[in-house]
Amino acid sequence: MADVLVLEDDPSLQFAFSEALKDAGHTVFAEAHADKAIEQIRRRAPDILLLDLMVDGTYSTCVADYAAFAAPQAHVIYVTGSGLFPKGELFDMSTNTRWVLRKPVNITELTDMVDHIAPVIAQALRKRG
């Protein structure tokens, strides 16, 4: 299972995402602010970051950028309710972006995605030794 950092400023969505991922067997650390998410990355180097694209009135790409340096194994899943970046521009903006989910998020789809990513990360870490 994976260590997942959830950055979501909507308390009900943060709770729903976190609980679903915990129920699926993952370890979850949830934050509502980008600076707190960066602190979590410093402490824990999560495997997966589930980032709401807009938090604190700005893009959360700074969190993904920090993770690319501090936790290069981490995969980023963006969640967004906006129509921004309709042609996949987020993949160019953040090199560790793997998926973008549009709100409303299907919880089963989210947990299946994280379940799919977790073994890939574990295998890559084993190869690094």
C-alpha atoms as a PDB file:
ATOM      1  CA  MET A   1       0.000   0.000   0.000  1.00  0.00           C
ATOM      2  CA  ALA A   2       1.035   3.601  -0.482  1.00  0.00           C
ATOM      3  CA  ASP A   3       1.594   6.714   1.609  1.00  0.00           C
ATOM      4  CA  VAL A   4      -0.751   9.313   0.136  1.00  0.00           C
ATOM      5  CA  LEU A   5      -0.748  13.051   0.759  1.00  0.00           C
ATOM      6  CA  VAL A   6      -4.163  14.593   0.129  1.00  0.00           C
ATOM      7  CA  LEU A   7      -4.201  18.352  -0.418  1.00  0.00           C
ATOM      8  CA  GLU A   8      -7.803  19.500  -0.547  1.00  0.00           C
ATOM      9  CA  ASP A   9      -9.226  22.689   0.945  1.00  0.00           C
ATOM     10  CA  ASP A  10     -12.865  21.564   0.864  1.00  0.00           C
ATOM     11  CA  PRO A  11     -13.297  19.748   4.209  1.00  0.00           C
ATOM     12  CA  SER A  12     -15.993  17.378   2.943  1.00  0.00           C
ATOM     13  CA  LEU A  13     -13.937  16.338  -0.093  1.00  0.00           C
ATOM     14  CA  GLN A  14     -10.787  16.023   2.002  1.00  0.00           C
ATOM     15  CA  PHE A  15     -12.664  13.729   4.368  1.00  0.00           C
ATOM     16  CA  ALA A  16     -14.219  11.655   1.560  1.00  0.00           C
ATOM     17  CA  PHE A  17     -10.919  11.206  -0.303  1.00  0.00           C
ATOM     18  CA  SER A  18      -8.987  10.421   2.879  1.00  0.00           C
ATOM     19  CA  GLU A  19     -11.479   7.915   4.251  1.00  0.00           C
ATOM     20  CA  ALA A  20     -11.846   6.102   0.930  1.00  0.00           C
ATOM     21  CA  LEU A  21      -8.078   5.770   0.595  1.00  0.00           C
ATOM     22  CA  LYS A  22      -7.703   4.630   4.209  1.00  0.00           C
ATOM     23  CA  ASP A  23     -10.466   2.059   3.689  1.00  0.00           C
ATOM     24  CA  ALA A  24      -8.492   0.794   0.680  1.00  0.00           C
ATOM     25  CA  GLY A  25      -5.487   0.214   2.973  1.00  0.00           C
ATOM     26  CA  HIS A  26      -3.378   3.276   2.236  1.00  0.00           C
ATOM     27  CA  THR A  27      -1.741   5.565   4.780  1.00  0.00           C
ATOM     28  CA  VAL A  28      -3.143   9.067   4.326  1.00  0.00           C
ATOM     29  CA  PHE A  29      -1.914  12.476   5.422  1.00  0.00           C
ATOM     30  CA  ALA A  30      -4.376  15.271   4.677  1.00  0.00           C
ATOM     31  CA  GLU A  31      -3.782  18.998   4.507  1.00  0.00           C
ATOM     32  CA  ALA A  32      -5.823  22.020   3.431  1.00  0.00           C
ATOM     33  CA  HIS A  33      -2.951  24.425   2.694  1.00  0.00           C
ATOM     34  CA  ALA A  34       0.000  24.193   0.309  1.00  0.00           C
ATOM     35  CA  ASP A  35       2.598  25.188   2.918  1.00  0.00           C
ATOM     36  CA  LYS A  36       1.394  22.431   5.260  1.00  0.00           C
ATOM     37  CA  ALA A  37       1.506  19.915   2.400  1.00  0.00           C
ATOM     38  CA  ILE A  38       5.122  20.868   1.715  1.00  0.00           C
ATOM     39  CA  GLU A  39       5.919  20.302   5.407  1.00  0.00           C
ATOM     40  CA  GLN A  40       4.367  16.815   5.133  1.00  0.00           C
ATOM     41  CA  ILE A  41       6.535  16.057   2.093  1.00  0.00           C
ATOM     42  CA  ARG A  42       9.627  17.117   4.070  1.00  0.00           C
ATOM     43  CA  ARG A  43       8.675  14.764   6.910  1.00  0.00           C
ATOM     44  CA  ARG A  44       7.356  11.748   5.038  1.00  0.00           C
ATOM     45  CA  ALA A  45       8.219  11.720   1.298  1.00  0.00           C
ATOM     46  CA  PRO A  46       4.833  10.300   0.245  1.00  0.00           C
ATOM     47  CA  ASP A  47       4.423   7.914  -2.661  1.00  0.00           C
ATOM     48  CA  ILE A  48       1.381   9.649  -4.140  1.00  0.00           C
ATOM     49  CA  LEU A  49       0.147  13.222  -3.957  1.00  0.00           C
ATOM     50  CA  LEU A  50      -3.537  13.856  -4.545  1.00  0.00           C
ATOM     51  CA  LEU A  51      -3.610  17.603  -5.136  1.00  0.00           C
ATOM     52  CA  ASP A  52      -6.591  19.861  -5.589  1.00  0.00           C
ATOM     53  CA  LEU A  53      -5.383  22.138  -8.379  1.00  0.00           C
ATOM     54  CA  MET A  54      -6.620  25.302  -6.655  1.00  0.00           C
ATOM     55  CA  VAL A  55      -5.900  25.768  -2.940  1.00  0.00           C
ATOM     56  CA  ASP A  56      -5.345  28.943  -0.985  1.00  0.00           C
ATOM     57  CA  GLY A  57      -6.510  30.872  -4.056  1.00  0.00           C
ATOM     58  CA  THR A  58      -3.568  29.714  -6.153  1.00  0.00           C
ATOM     59  CA  TYR A  59      -2.349  26.672  -8.050  1.00  0.00           C
ATOM     60  CA  SER A  60      -0.947  23.746  -6.074  1.00  0.00           C
ATOM     61  CA  THR A  61       1.749  23.165  -8.691  1.00  0.00           C
ATOM     62  CA  CYS A  62       4.286  24.523  -6.187  1.00  0.00           C
ATOM     63  CA  VAL A  63       3.623  21.419  -4.073  1.00  0.00           C
ATOM     64  CA  ALA A  64       4.186  19.118  -7.054  1.00  0.00           C
ATOM     65  CA  ASP A  65       7.358  21.018  -7.936  1.00  0.00           C
ATOM     66  CA  TYR A  66       8.688  20.653  -4.401  1.00  0.00           C
ATOM     67  CA  ALA A  67       7.845  16.948  -4.420  1.00  0.00           C
ATOM     68  CA  ALA A  68       9.739  16.477  -7.695  1.00  0.00           C
ATOM     69  CA  PHE A  69      12.842  17.583  -5.805  1.00  0.00           C
ATOM     70  CA  ALA A  70      12.218  16.213  -2.293  1.00  0.00           C
ATOM     71  CA  ALA A  71      10.304  13.018  -3.151  1.00  0.00           C
ATOM     72  CA  PRO A  72      11.136  12.236  -6.790  1.00  0.00           C
ATOM     73  CA  GLN A  73       9.431   8.823  -6.623  1.00  0.00           C
ATOM     74  CA  ALA A  74       6.081  10.480  -5.858  1.00  0.00           C
ATOM     75  CA  HIS A  75       3.361  10.416  -8.473  1.00  0.00           C
ATOM     76  CA  VAL A  76       0.963  13.362  -8.663  1.00  0.00           C
ATOM     77  CA  ILE A  77      -2.754  13.113  -9.298  1.00  0.00           C
ATOM     78  CA  TYR A  78      -4.426  16.480  -9.748  1.00  0.00           C
ATOM     79  CA  VAL A  79      -8.099  16.957  -8.958  1.00  0.00           C
ATOM     80  CA  THR A  80      -9.841  19.944 -10.472  1.00  0.00           C
ATOM     81  CA  GLY A  81     -13.290  21.334 -10.965  1.00  0.00           C
ATOM     82  CA  SER A  82     -12.121  23.992 -13.384  1.00  0.00           C
ATOM     83  CA  GLY A  83     -11.977  23.915 -17.131  1.00  0.00           C
ATOM     84  CA  LEU A  84      -8.392  25.163 -17.080  1.00  0.00           C
ATOM     85  CA  PHE A  85      -5.772  23.175 -18.933  1.00  0.00           C
ATOM     86  CA  PRO A  86      -8.177  21.167 -21.095  1.00  0.00           C
ATOM     87  CA  LYS A  87      -5.420  19.879 -23.386  1.00  0.00           C
ATOM     88  CA  GLY A  88      -3.231  18.299 -20.742  1.00  0.00           C
ATOM     89  CA  GLU A  89      -1.049  21.321 -20.054  1.00  0.00           C
ATOM     90  CA  LEU A  90      -0.629  20.190 -16.445  1.00  0.00           C
ATOM     91  CA  PHE A  91       1.579  17.366 -17.676  1.00  0.00           C
ATOM     92  CA  ASP A  92       3.988  19.961 -19.059  1.00  0.00           C
ATOM     93  CA  MET A  93       3.771  22.193 -15.981  1.00  0.00           C
ATOM     94  CA  SER A  94       4.598  19.466 -13.451  1.00  0.00           C
ATOM     95  CA  THR A  95       6.935  16.716 -14.578  1.00  0.00           C
ATOM     96  CA  ASN A  96       5.661  14.267 -11.938  1.00  0.00           C
ATOM     97  CA  THR A  97       1.990  14.615 -12.934  1.00  0.00           C
ATOM     98  CA  ARG A  98       0.559  11.237 -13.870  1.00  0.00           C
ATOM     99  CA  TRP A  99      -3.217  11.798 -13.902  1.00  0.00           C
ATOM    100  CA  VAL A 100      -5.810  14.558 -13.775  1.00  0.00           C
ATOM    101  CA  LEU A 101      -9.252  13.818 -12.377  1.00  0.00           C
ATOM    102  CA  ARG A 102     -12.198  16.155 -12.930  1.00  0.00           C
ATOM    103  CA  LYS A 103     -14.639  16.927 -10.147  1.00  0.00           C
ATOM    104  CA  PRO A 104     -16.969  15.425  -9.221  1.00  0.00           C
ATOM    105  CA  VAL A 105     -14.555  12.586  -8.590  1.00  0.00           C
ATOM    106  CA  ASN A 106     -15.797   9.023  -8.664  1.00  0.00           C
ATOM    107  CA  ILE A 107     -14.406   7.608  -5.404  1.00  0.00           C
ATOM    108  CA  THR A 108     -14.108   4.090  -6.816  1.00  0.00           C
ATOM    109  CA  GLU A 109     -12.139   5.447  -9.763  1.00  0.00           C
ATOM    110  CA  LEU A 110      -9.845   7.316  -7.377  1.00  0.00           C
ATOM    111  CA  THR A 111      -9.143   4.314  -5.165  1.00  0.00           C
ATOM    112  CA  ASP A 112      -8.649   2.049  -8.187  1.00  0.00           C
ATOM    113  CA  MET A 113      -6.155   4.546  -9.602  1.00  0.00           C
ATOM    114  CA  VAL A 114      -4.168   4.726  -6.364  1.00  0.00           C
ATOM    115  CA  ASP A 115      -4.306   0.927  -6.012  1.00  0.00           C
ATOM    116  CA  HIS A 116      -2.890   0.678  -9.542  1.00  0.00           C
ATOM    117  CA  ILE A 117      -0.088   3.185  -8.917  1.00  0.00           C
ATOM    118  CA  ALA A 118       1.078   1.801  -5.543  1.00  0.00           C
ATOM    119  CA  PRO A 119       2.723  -1.416  -6.851  1.00  0.00           C
ATOM    120  CA  VAL A 120       4.418   0.500  -9.658  1.00  0.00           C
ATOM    121  CA  ILE A 121       6.051   2.820  -7.117  1.00  0.00           C
ATOM    122  CA  ALA A 122       7.021  -0.084  -4.838  1.00  0.00           C
ATOM    123  CA  GLN A 123       8.650  -1.901  -7.742  1.00  0.00           C
ATOM    124  CA  ALA A 124      10.602   1.215  -8.787  1.00  0.00           C
ATOM    125  CA  LEU A 125      11.840   1.706  -5.233  1.00  0.00           C
ATOM    126  CA  ARG A 126      12.982  -1.928  -5.019  1.00  0.00           C
ATOM    127  CA  LYS A 127      14.967  -1.525  -8.245  1.00  0.00           C
ATOM    128  CA  ARG A 128      16.726   1.542  -6.816  1.00  0.00           C
ATOM    129  CA  GLY A 129      17.750  -0.598  -3.888  1.00  0.00           C
END
